Amino acid sequence: MSTLDALLKQLVADFAPDFAAWLLNSEVLTVEPITVELPAETVFADSVFRVQLADGRISLLHIEFQGRRSHRPMPERMLDYMVRLFQQHGGPLHSVVLYWESGAGKEDTGQYQVPGPGDKLALTWNYQVIHLWKMEAEQLLALGRESLLPLASLTHFEKPADTLPKVLAGIRSVPDEYDQAELLAQFLGLLRDEEIVAMTQELIDDLDIEEIKQFPFLWQSYQRYVQRTKAEVVRDKTLEAIAIRLSPSASDYRRVEKVIVAISDLARLDSLFNLSLRAADFAEFERGLMSNSANDRQN
């Protein structure tokens, strides 16, 4: 599980009522987290809640976060999740995919069907698709739910000089000091755009830092954000290049991913990134990776 996935799951877990109200488009009374481990061959859904809406109806809310890399096509994964959730918990069921990485899920409509004999349909399934990377940060501000503002880190800032201060002001307006500090730490942890990172660093003052320091867990999260190493960036770019350029199978990708995520040496990661850009195919890349690993073991 990536750091970003972990941050998003924590954000949803901490502020589930606001996410439920947004995604179900209804005010809610209660939100109860339920198990995300699904039966048969074990798979884990990202976030699942049993939600009581303001009108008394009960709904199951299932949320998945997805970047550009998916070992199985997302429609197939969602069908698998939805069938298992219904078998285990019943309905009604509302499933949502939040695509956070630029270009992710651009072809996903959330509407699928399998034809049967004649004019009949053998199977249909539907889920909600939200492309965070297509959204404007102003759209999140317009929702009026401060708990959702960390997601602005994954949206598009058309006029960052105008919008970014509004996002930070919205977070600062949260009455509870702990929630405010946590939302700020989440926003910082989810940032990916270097321009927005630089602007945010200029806008955050010493008071913000002192508030985060009051909460050890949040302070550690903030430090991890600040100290994000170049090695982590190069590692992510290498894996992305492998997935997009070399199109390995899911098992092949997982095999090299396991090796690459264990590498912390920046020079070696730089070398692998260059190899991922020039390799003619996946086999050539893997030979280079394994040869490099063997040399390290000998040394």
Foldseek 3Di string as FASTA:
>chain_A
DDPLLVLVLVLCVVVVQVVCCVQVVFHFDDKAWDAQFFDDPTDGFSTWIWTQGPVGDIAIEGEHEDEADDLDPPVVVVVVSVVRCCVVPNHDYAYEYEYQYPPHPPVPPQWDWDPDPDRHTPDIGGHHYHDQQADELVVVVVVVDLSCLLSNLRYDHPPCVPRVVVNLVSLVPPPDLVSSLSSVLSSLLSHDDPVNNVVVVVVDDPVSLVSQVVPVVSNVSNVCSVPVDVLVVLLVLLLVLCCPVAVDRSVLSVVVNVVSVVDDDNVVSVVLSVCSVPPPHSVSSVVVSVVVVVVVVVD
